[in-house]
Structure formats: C-alpha cells, structure tokens
PDB file of N, CA and C in Angstrom:
ATOM      1  N   MET A   1       0.889  -1.173   0.004  1.00  0.00           N
ATOM      2  CA  MET A   1       0.024   0.128  -0.022  1.00  0.00           C
ATOM      3  C   MET A   1       0.828   1.321  -0.008  1.00  0.00           C
ATOM      4  N   PRO A   2       0.538   2.254  -0.755  1.00  0.00           N
ATOM      5  CA  PRO A   2       1.285   3.495  -0.719  1.00  0.00           C
ATOM      6  C   PRO A   2       1.054   4.335   0.427  1.00  0.00           C
ATOM      7  N   ASN A   3       2.065   4.814   0.993  1.00  0.00           N
ATOM      8  CA  ASN A   3       1.948   5.536   2.297  1.00  0.00           C
ATOM      9  C   ASN A   3       1.831   7.055   2.166  1.00  0.00           C
ATOM     10  N   THR A   4       2.670   7.585   1.276  1.00  0.00           N
ATOM     11  CA  THR A   4       2.733   9.192   1.021  1.00  0.00           C
ATOM     12  C   THR A   4       1.586   9.477  -0.165  1.00  0.00           C
ATOM     13  N   LYS A   5       1.267  10.823   0.200  1.00  0.00           N
ATOM     14  CA  LYS A   5       0.365  11.449  -0.757  1.00  0.00           C
ATOM     15  C   LYS A   5       0.670  11.274  -2.202  1.00  0.00           C
ATOM     16  N   SER A   6       1.953  11.554  -2.494  1.00  0.00           N
ATOM     17  CA  SER A   6       2.149  11.426  -3.939  1.00  0.00           C
ATOM     18  C   SER A   6       2.202  10.010  -4.356  1.00  0.00           C
ATOM     19  N   ALA A   7       2.492   9.030  -3.595  1.00  0.00           N
ATOM     20  CA  ALA A   7       2.513   7.508  -3.823  1.00  0.00           C
ATOM     21  C   ALA A   7       1.024   7.299  -4.223  1.00  0.00           C
ATOM     22  N   ILE A   8       0.042   7.765  -3.497  1.00  0.00           N
ATOM     23  CA  ILE A   8      -1.465   7.369  -3.557  1.00  0.00           C
ATOM     24  C   ILE A   8      -1.906   8.057  -5.157  1.00  0.00           C
ATOM     25  N   ARG A   9      -1.500   9.160  -5.228  1.00  0.00           N
ATOM     26  CA  ARG A   9      -1.785   9.827  -6.615  1.00  0.00           C
ATOM     27  C   ARG A   9      -1.206   8.973  -7.690  1.00  0.00           C
ATOM     28  N   ARG A  10       0.094   8.543  -7.417  1.00  0.00           N
ATOM     29  CA  ARG A  10       0.746   7.861  -8.637  1.00  0.00           C
ATOM     30  C   ARG A  10       0.166   6.487  -8.807  1.00  0.00           C
ATOM     31  N   VAL A  11      -0.401   5.882  -7.741  1.00  0.00           N
ATOM     32  CA  VAL A  11      -1.199   4.670  -8.140  1.00  0.00           C
ATOM     33  C   VAL A  11      -2.390   5.029  -8.862  1.00  0.00           C
ATOM     34  N   ARG A  12      -3.061   6.043  -8.652  1.00  0.00           N
ATOM     35  CA  ARG A  12      -4.191   6.322  -9.258  1.00  0.00           C
ATOM     36  C   ARG A  12      -3.932   6.564 -10.841  1.00  0.00           C
ATOM     37  N   ARG A  13      -2.798   7.335 -11.096  1.00  0.00           N
ATOM     38  CA  ARG A  13      -2.341   7.705 -12.365  1.00  0.00           C
ATOM     39  C   ARG A  13      -2.030   6.360 -13.160  1.00  0.00           C
ATOM     40  N   VAL A  14      -1.221   5.480 -12.380  1.00  0.00           N
ATOM     41  CA  VAL A  14      -0.833   4.370 -13.178  1.00  0.00           C
ATOM     42  C   VAL A  14      -1.886   3.227 -13.461  1.00  0.00           C
ATOM     43  N   LYS A  15      -3.092   3.412 -12.666  1.00  0.00           N
ATOM     44  CA  LYS A  15      -4.365   2.535 -13.050  1.00  0.00           C
ATOM     45  C   LYS A  15      -4.889   3.131 -14.233  1.00  0.00           C
ATOM     46  N   LYS A  16      -4.960   4.531 -14.419  1.00  0.00           N
ATOM     47  CA  LYS A  16      -5.609   4.989 -15.669  1.00  0.00           C
ATOM     48  C   LYS A  16      -4.683   4.733 -16.834  1.00  0.00           C
ATOM     49  N   GLN A  17      -3.389   4.990 -16.790  1.00  0.00           N
ATOM     50  CA  GLN A  17      -2.538   4.684 -17.909  1.00  0.00           C
ATOM     51  C   GLN A  17      -2.549   3.155 -18.358  1.00  0.00           C
ATOM     52  N   THR A  18      -2.628   2.363 -17.370  1.00  0.00           N
ATOM     53  CA  THR A  18      -2.704   0.841 -17.637  1.00  0.00           C
ATOM     54  C   THR A  18      -3.944   0.617 -18.538  1.00  0.00           C
ATOM     55  N   SER A  19      -5.009   1.146 -18.130  1.00  0.00           N
ATOM     56  CA  SER A  19      -6.269   0.886 -18.841  1.00  0.00           C
ATOM     57  C   SER A  19      -6.162   1.605 -20.363  1.00  0.00           C
ATOM     58  N   VAL A  20      -5.631   2.738 -20.483  1.00  0.00           N
ATOM     59  CA  VAL A  20      -5.422   3.374 -21.762  1.00  0.00           C
ATOM     60  C   VAL A  20      -4.523   2.577 -22.565  1.00  0.00           C
ATOM     61  N   ASN A  21      -3.446   2.107 -22.030  1.00  0.00           N
ATOM     62  CA  ASN A  21      -2.392   1.252 -22.632  1.00  0.00           C
ATOM     63  C   ASN A  21      -3.040  -0.067 -23.047  1.00  0.00           C
ATOM     64  N   ARG A  22      -3.877  -0.730 -22.327  1.00  0.00           N
ATOM     65  CA  ARG A  22      -4.601  -1.857 -22.780  1.00  0.00           C
ATOM     66  C   ARG A  22      -5.549  -1.677 -23.924  1.00  0.00           C
ATOM     67  N   VAL A  23      -6.167  -0.562 -23.981  1.00  0.00           N
ATOM     68  CA  VAL A  23      -7.049  -0.163 -25.085  1.00  0.00           C
ATOM     69  C   VAL A  23      -6.082  -0.177 -26.234  1.00  0.00           C
ATOM     70  N   ARG A  24      -5.154   0.577 -26.207  1.00  0.00           N
ATOM     71  CA  ARG A  24      -4.287   0.872 -27.483  1.00  0.00           C
ATOM     72  C   ARG A  24      -3.683  -0.482 -27.961  1.00  0.00           C
ATOM     73  N   LYS A  25      -3.206  -1.243 -27.027  1.00  0.00           N
ATOM     74  CA  LYS A  25      -2.727  -2.678 -27.354  1.00  0.00           C
ATOM     75  C   LYS A  25      -3.633  -3.389 -28.063  1.00  0.00           C
ATOM     76  N   SER A  26      -4.886  -3.505 -27.473  1.00  0.00           N
ATOM     77  CA  SER A  26      -5.989  -4.132 -28.024  1.00  0.00           C
ATOM     78  C   SER A  26      -6.274  -3.875 -29.477  1.00  0.00           C
ATOM     79  N   LYS A  27      -6.410  -2.478 -29.740  1.00  0.00           N
ATOM     80  CA  LYS A  27      -6.736  -1.949 -30.999  1.00  0.00           C
ATOM     81  C   LYS A  27      -5.473  -2.390 -31.926  1.00  0.00           C
ATOM     82  N   TYR A  28      -4.156  -2.207 -31.469  1.00  0.00           N
ATOM     83  CA  TYR A  28      -3.017  -2.747 -32.472  1.00  0.00           C
ATOM     84  C   TYR A  28      -3.201  -4.132 -32.869  1.00  0.00           C
ATOM     85  N   LYS A  29      -3.495  -5.069 -31.752  1.00  0.00           N
ATOM     86  CA  LYS A  29      -3.490  -6.415 -32.014  1.00  0.00           C
ATOM     87  C   LYS A  29      -4.697  -6.873 -32.933  1.00  0.00           C
ATOM     88  N   SER A  30      -5.861  -6.174 -32.773  1.00  0.00           N
ATOM     89  CA  SER A  30      -7.024  -6.318 -33.756  1.00  0.00           C
ATOM     90  C   SER A  30      -6.892  -6.002 -35.031  1.00  0.00           C
ATOM     91  N   THR A  31      -6.264  -4.901 -35.237  1.00  0.00           N
ATOM     92  CA  THR A  31      -5.824  -4.352 -36.414  1.00  0.00           C
ATOM     93  C   THR A  31      -4.821  -5.192 -37.254  1.00  0.00           C
ATOM     94  N   VAL A  32      -3.886  -5.890 -36.524  1.00  0.00           N
ATOM     95  CA  VAL A  32      -2.887  -6.751 -37.330  1.00  0.00           C
ATOM     96  C   VAL A  32      -3.611  -7.944 -37.690  1.00  0.00           C
ATOM     97  N   LYS A  33      -4.532  -8.523 -36.787  1.00  0.00           N
ATOM     98  CA  LYS A  33      -5.205  -9.586 -37.163  1.00  0.00           C
ATOM     99  C   LYS A  33      -6.232  -9.529 -38.254  1.00  0.00           C
ATOM    100  N   GLN A  34      -6.751  -8.384 -38.447  1.00  0.00           N
ATOM    101  CA  GLN A  34      -7.647  -8.027 -39.443  1.00  0.00           C
ATOM    102  C   GLN A  34      -7.077  -7.962 -40.687  1.00  0.00           C
ATOM    103  N   MET A  35      -5.811  -7.458 -40.734  1.00  0.00           N
ATOM    104  CA  MET A  35      -5.012  -7.335 -41.898  1.00  0.00           C
ATOM    105  C   MET A  35      -4.597  -8.841 -42.341  1.00  0.00           C
ATOM    106  N   GLU A  36      -4.329  -9.636 -41.278  1.00  0.00           N
ATOM    107  CA  GLU A  36      -3.859 -10.946 -41.704  1.00  0.00           C
ATOM    108  C   GLU A  36      -4.976 -11.819 -42.220  1.00  0.00           C
ATOM    109  N   THR A  37      -6.231 -11.578 -41.565  1.00  0.00           N
ATOM    110  CA  THR A  37      -7.372 -12.264 -42.290  1.00  0.00           C
ATOM    111  C   THR A  37      -7.778 -11.802 -43.854  1.00  0.00           C
ATOM    112  N   ILE A  38      -7.558 -10.437 -43.915  1.00  0.00           N
ATOM    113  CA  ILE A  38      -7.699  -9.944 -45.317  1.00  0.00           C
ATOM    114  C   ILE A  38      -6.658 -10.715 -46.422  1.00  0.00           C
ATOM    115  N   LEU A  39      -5.573 -10.799 -45.783  1.00  0.00           N
ATOM    116  CA  LEU A  39      -4.448 -11.356 -46.633  1.00  0.00           C
ATOM    117  C   LEU A  39      -4.732 -12.823 -46.995  1.00  0.00           C
ATOM    118  N   LYS A  40      -5.210 -13.591 -45.942  1.00  0.00           N
ATOM    119  CA  LYS A  40      -5.501 -15.062 -46.087  1.00  0.00           C
ATOM    120  C   LYS A  40      -6.693 -15.248 -47.069  1.00  0.00           C
ATOM    121  N   LYS A  41      -7.586 -14.353 -47.104  1.00  0.00           N
ATOM    122  CA  LYS A  41      -8.680 -14.523 -48.171  1.00  0.00           C
ATOM    123  C   LYS A  41      -8.168 -14.161 -49.602  1.00  0.00           C
ATOM    124  N   GLY A  42      -7.020 -13.477 -49.642  1.00  0.00           N
ATOM    125  CA  GLY A  42      -6.478 -13.129 -50.767  1.00  0.00           C
ATOM    126  C   GLY A  42      -7.184 -11.968 -51.580  1.00  0.00           C
ATOM    127  N   ASP A  43      -7.842 -11.146 -50.794  1.00  0.00           N
ATOM    128  CA  ASP A  43      -8.547  -9.852 -51.328  1.00  0.00           C
ATOM    129  C   ASP A  43      -7.517  -8.795 -51.338  1.00  0.00           C
ATOM    130  N   GLU A  44      -6.873  -8.666 -52.587  1.00  0.00           N
ATOM    131  CA  GLU A  44      -5.742  -7.863 -52.649  1.00  0.00           C
ATOM    132  C   GLU A  44      -6.199  -6.231 -52.718  1.00  0.00           C
ATOM    133  N   LYS A  45      -7.565  -5.999 -53.139  1.00  0.00           N
ATOM    134  CA  LYS A  45      -8.185  -4.794 -53.251  1.00  0.00           C
ATOM    135  C   LYS A  45      -8.426  -4.065 -51.925  1.00  0.00           C
ATOM    136  N   SER A  46      -9.066  -4.891 -51.100  1.00  0.00           N
ATOM    137  CA  SER A  46      -9.502  -4.407 -49.813  1.00  0.00           C
ATOM    138  C   SER A  46      -8.112  -4.344 -48.717  1.00  0.00           C
ATOM    139  N   ALA A  47      -7.051  -5.173 -49.047  1.00  0.00           N
ATOM    140  CA  ALA A  47      -5.895  -5.033 -48.348  1.00  0.00           C
ATOM    141  C   ALA A  47      -5.284  -3.840 -48.814  1.00  0.00           C
ATOM    142  N   LYS A  48      -5.169  -3.368 -49.940  1.00  0.00           N
ATOM    143  CA  LYS A  48      -4.584  -2.154 -50.243  1.00  0.00           C
ATOM    144  C   LYS A  48      -5.339  -0.776 -49.717  1.00  0.00           C
ATOM    145  N   LYS A  49      -6.742  -1.292 -49.498  1.00  0.00           N
ATOM    146  CA  LYS A  49      -7.396  -0.102 -49.115  1.00  0.00           C
ATOM    147  C   LYS A  49      -7.449   0.012 -47.516  1.00  0.00           C
ATOM    148  N   PHE A  50      -7.105  -1.102 -46.889  1.00  0.00           N
ATOM    149  CA  PHE A  50      -7.028  -1.070 -45.339  1.00  0.00           C
ATOM    150  C   PHE A  50      -5.559  -0.885 -44.952  1.00  0.00           C
ATOM    151  N   PHE A  51      -4.659  -0.850 -45.747  1.00  0.00           N
ATOM    152  CA  PHE A  51      -3.206  -0.656 -45.532  1.00  0.00           C
ATOM    153  C   PHE A  51      -2.945   0.601 -44.870  1.00  0.00           C
ATOM    154  N   PRO A  52      -3.445   1.727 -45.325  1.00  0.00           N
ATOM    155  CA  PRO A  52      -3.098   3.226 -44.678  1.00  0.00           C
ATOM    156  C   PRO A  52      -3.618   3.282 -43.246  1.00  0.00           C
ATOM    157  N   LYS A  53      -4.725   2.583 -43.034  1.00  0.00           N
ATOM    158  CA  LYS A  53      -5.332   2.500 -41.804  1.00  0.00           C
ATOM    159  C   LYS A  53      -4.299   1.755 -40.779  1.00  0.00           C
ATOM    160  N   LEU A  54      -3.762   0.555 -41.190  1.00  0.00           N
ATOM    161  CA  LEU A  54      -2.929  -0.391 -40.467  1.00  0.00           C
ATOM    162  C   LEU A  54      -1.750   0.461 -40.187  1.00  0.00           C
ATOM    163  N   GLN A  55      -1.000   1.205 -41.112  1.00  0.00           N
ATOM    164  CA  GLN A  55       0.086   1.876 -40.939  1.00  0.00           C
ATOM    165  C   GLN A  55      -0.125   3.046 -40.004  1.00  0.00           C
ATOM    166  N   SER A  56      -1.311   3.787 -39.900  1.00  0.00           N
ATOM    167  CA  SER A  56      -1.513   4.914 -38.895  1.00  0.00           C
ATOM    168  C   SER A  56      -1.778   4.279 -37.636  1.00  0.00           C
ATOM    169  N   ILE A  57      -2.328   3.142 -37.358  1.00  0.00           N
ATOM    170  CA  ILE A  57      -2.465   2.746 -36.045  1.00  0.00           C
ATOM    171  C   ILE A  57      -1.169   2.121 -35.588  1.00  0.00           C
ATOM    172  N   LEU A  58      -0.363   1.569 -36.380  1.00  0.00           N
ATOM    173  CA  LEU A  58       0.815   1.059 -35.922  1.00  0.00           C
ATOM    174  C   LEU A  58       1.873   2.102 -35.451  1.00  0.00           C
ATOM    175  N   MET A  59       1.962   3.180 -36.261  1.00  0.00           N
ATOM    176  CA  MET A  59       2.709   4.288 -35.854  1.00  0.00           C
ATOM    177  C   MET A  59       2.203   5.087 -34.745  1.00  0.00           C
ATOM    178  N   GLN A  60       0.833   5.227 -34.572  1.00  0.00           N
ATOM    179  CA  GLN A  60       0.362   5.845 -33.201  1.00  0.00           C
ATOM    180  C   GLN A  60       0.665   5.125 -31.999  1.00  0.00           C
ATOM    181  N   VAL A  61       0.714   3.666 -32.142  1.00  0.00           N
ATOM    182  CA  VAL A  61       0.938   2.790 -31.099  1.00  0.00           C
ATOM    183  C   VAL A  61       2.579   3.030 -30.680  1.00  0.00           C
ATOM    184  N   ALA A  62       3.264   2.951 -31.764  1.00  0.00           N
ATOM    185  CA  ALA A  62       4.663   3.138 -31.511  1.00  0.00           C
ATOM    186  C   ALA A  62       5.401   4.423 -31.005  1.00  0.00           C
ATOM    187  N   LYS A  63       4.493   5.366 -31.451  1.00  0.00           N
ATOM    188  CA  LYS A  63       4.708   6.890 -30.884  1.00  0.00           C
ATOM    189  C   LYS A  63       4.447   6.813 -29.379  1.00  0.00           C
ATOM    190  N   LYS A  64       3.486   6.053 -28.858  1.00  0.00           N
ATOM    191  CA  LYS A  64       2.953   6.099 -27.557  1.00  0.00           C
ATOM    192  C   LYS A  64       3.914   5.125 -26.580  1.00  0.00           C
ATOM    193  N   GLY A  65       4.663   4.350 -27.454  1.00  0.00           N
ATOM    194  CA  GLY A  65       5.567   3.449 -26.697  1.00  0.00           C
ATOM    195  C   GLY A  65       4.958   2.034 -26.424  1.00  0.00           C
ATOM    196  N   ILE A  66       3.694   1.725 -26.907  1.00  0.00           N
ATOM    197  CA  ILE A  66       3.149   0.449 -26.623  1.00  0.00           C
ATOM    198  C   ILE A  66       4.025  -0.683 -27.280  1.00  0.00           C
ATOM    199  N   VAL A  67       4.446  -0.499 -28.544  1.00  0.00           N
ATOM    200  CA  VAL A  67       5.541  -1.301 -29.121  1.00  0.00           C
ATOM    201  C   VAL A  67       6.485  -0.434 -29.680  1.00  0.00           C
ATOM    202  N   SER A  68       7.576  -1.087 -29.797  1.00  0.00           N
ATOM    203  CA  SER A  68       8.757  -0.253 -30.324  1.00  0.00           C
ATOM    204  C   SER A  68       8.712   0.113 -31.889  1.00  0.00           C
ATOM    205  N   ARG A  69       9.272   1.331 -32.031  1.00  0.00           N
ATOM    206  CA  ARG A  69       9.050   1.840 -33.297  1.00  0.00           C
ATOM    207  C   ARG A  69       9.671   0.811 -34.391  1.00  0.00           C
ATOM    208  N   LYS A  70      10.750   0.101 -34.089  1.00  0.00           N
ATOM    209  CA  LYS A  70      11.292  -0.777 -35.058  1.00  0.00           C
ATOM    210  C   LYS A  70      10.408  -2.042 -35.303  1.00  0.00           C
ATOM    211  N   THR A  71       9.561  -2.368 -34.206  1.00  0.00           N
ATOM    212  CA  THR A  71       8.703  -3.429 -34.331  1.00  0.00           C
ATOM    213  C   THR A  71       7.514  -2.967 -35.473  1.00  0.00           C
ATOM    214  N   ALA A  72       6.955  -1.689 -35.166  1.00  0.00           N
ATOM    215  CA  ALA A  72       6.117  -1.426 -36.010  1.00  0.00           C
ATOM    216  C   ALA A  72       6.502  -1.054 -37.528  1.00  0.00           C
ATOM    217  N   ALA A  73       7.526  -0.707 -37.727  1.00  0.00           N
ATOM    218  CA  ALA A  73       8.291  -0.484 -38.856  1.00  0.00           C
ATOM    219  C   ALA A  73       8.592  -1.833 -39.655  1.00  0.00           C
ATOM    220  N   ARG A  74       8.767  -2.859 -38.948  1.00  0.00           N
ATOM    221  CA  ARG A  74       9.080  -4.169 -39.536  1.00  0.00           C
ATOM    222  C   ARG A  74       7.680  -4.898 -39.976  1.00  0.00           C
ATOM    223  N   LYS A  75       6.674  -4.632 -38.984  1.00  0.00           N
ATOM    224  CA  LYS A  75       5.372  -5.277 -39.391  1.00  0.00           C
ATOM    225  C   LYS A  75       4.815  -4.417 -40.718  1.00  0.00           C
ATOM    226  N   ILE A  76       4.951  -2.930 -40.706  1.00  0.00           N
ATOM    227  CA  ILE A  76       4.403  -2.392 -41.871  1.00  0.00           C
ATOM    228  C   ILE A  76       5.236  -2.847 -43.245  1.00  0.00           C
ATOM    229  N   SER A  77       6.566  -3.093 -42.970  1.00  0.00           N
ATOM    230  CA  SER A  77       7.372  -3.541 -44.118  1.00  0.00           C
ATOM    231  C   SER A  77       6.912  -4.796 -44.579  1.00  0.00           C
ATOM    232  N   ARG A  78       6.609  -5.745 -43.665  1.00  0.00           N
ATOM    233  CA  ARG A  78       6.303  -7.147 -43.992  1.00  0.00           C
ATOM    234  C   ARG A  78       4.850  -7.228 -44.596  1.00  0.00           C
ATOM    235  N   PHE A  79       3.989  -6.493 -44.146  1.00  0.00           N
ATOM    236  CA  PHE A  79       2.660  -6.254 -44.662  1.00  0.00           C
ATOM    237  C   PHE A  79       2.595  -5.674 -46.249  1.00  0.00           C
ATOM    238  N   SER A  80       3.590  -4.653 -46.233  1.00  0.00           N
ATOM    239  CA  SER A  80       3.822  -4.031 -47.500  1.00  0.00           C
ATOM    240  C   SER A  80       4.314  -5.052 -48.574  1.00  0.00           C
ATOM    241  N   LYS A  81       5.071  -5.620 -48.124  1.00  0.00           N
ATOM    242  CA  LYS A  81       5.787  -6.787 -49.022  1.00  0.00           C
ATOM    243  C   LYS A  81       4.778  -7.818 -49.479  1.00  0.00           C
ATOM    244  N   LYS A  82       3.917  -8.148 -48.594  1.00  0.00           N
ATOM    245  CA  LYS A  82       2.755  -9.178 -48.853  1.00  0.00           C
ATOM    246  C   LYS A  82       1.672  -8.465 -49.740  1.00  0.00           C
ATOM    247  N   ILE A  83       1.471  -7.272 -49.608  1.00  0.00           N
ATOM    248  CA  ILE A  83       0.397  -6.672 -50.541  1.00  0.00           C
ATOM    249  C   ILE A  83       0.928  -6.308 -51.845  1.00  0.00           C
ATOM    250  N   TYR A  84       2.027  -5.575 -51.784  1.00  0.00           N
ATOM    251  CA  TYR A  84       2.539  -5.049 -53.108  1.00  0.00           C
ATOM    252  C   TYR A  84       3.698  -5.963 -53.422  1.00  0.00           C
ATOM    253  N   LYS A  85       3.436  -7.131 -54.048  1.00  0.00           N
ATOM    254  CA  LYS A  85       4.393  -8.341 -54.361  1.00  0.00           C
ATOM    255  C   LYS A  85       5.110  -7.669 -55.647  1.00  0.00           C
ATOM    256  N   ARG A  86       6.344  -7.553 -55.490  1.00  0.00           N
ATOM    257  CA  ARG A  86       7.232  -7.042 -56.665  1.00  0.00           C
ATOM    258  C   ARG A  86       7.854  -8.079 -57.444  1.00  0.00           C
TER     259      ARG A  86
END
C-alpha cells in the first residue's frame, strides 16, 4: 500500500495509464489480425484499401511506446511486401 500522498496519486495515475495502454494494445492487435485475415482471403483490393489505416494505427502505437518503433516499422514493411508483391 502506498503511504505518502504522492504515492497514492501515482497509483491512481498508473491505473488510468494501464487501462489506456490496454485499449491501445488491443486496438493494435485487432488491426494486425484483421489485416492477416484480409491477406488470407487473398482480397488484394481491400488489403490495399486497409493498409493506410494499419500503418496509421501501428505508428500511433509506436509513438506512444506500446510497441517499439522498429517493431511497428518491421510489421508495416512485411505487410507491404505481402500486399505489393514486386
């Protein structure tokens, strides 16, 4: 249990931050899964349409520190490679 006034406030703040981070992480994971299902179906048109949204969410999550920037960049790169086969 927190003893000082600042520690009590910190516990409150951490609880709120944890719930916000949980929502962000859930949004990130569901977006990645959604893109994977689109790619499994082989629907290239909808994959290209969904790709900017995926990029946006991945970079938002990386900016907030939920996942590292390199992880987000790697995922974007791999999805891009699958969508735009060269």
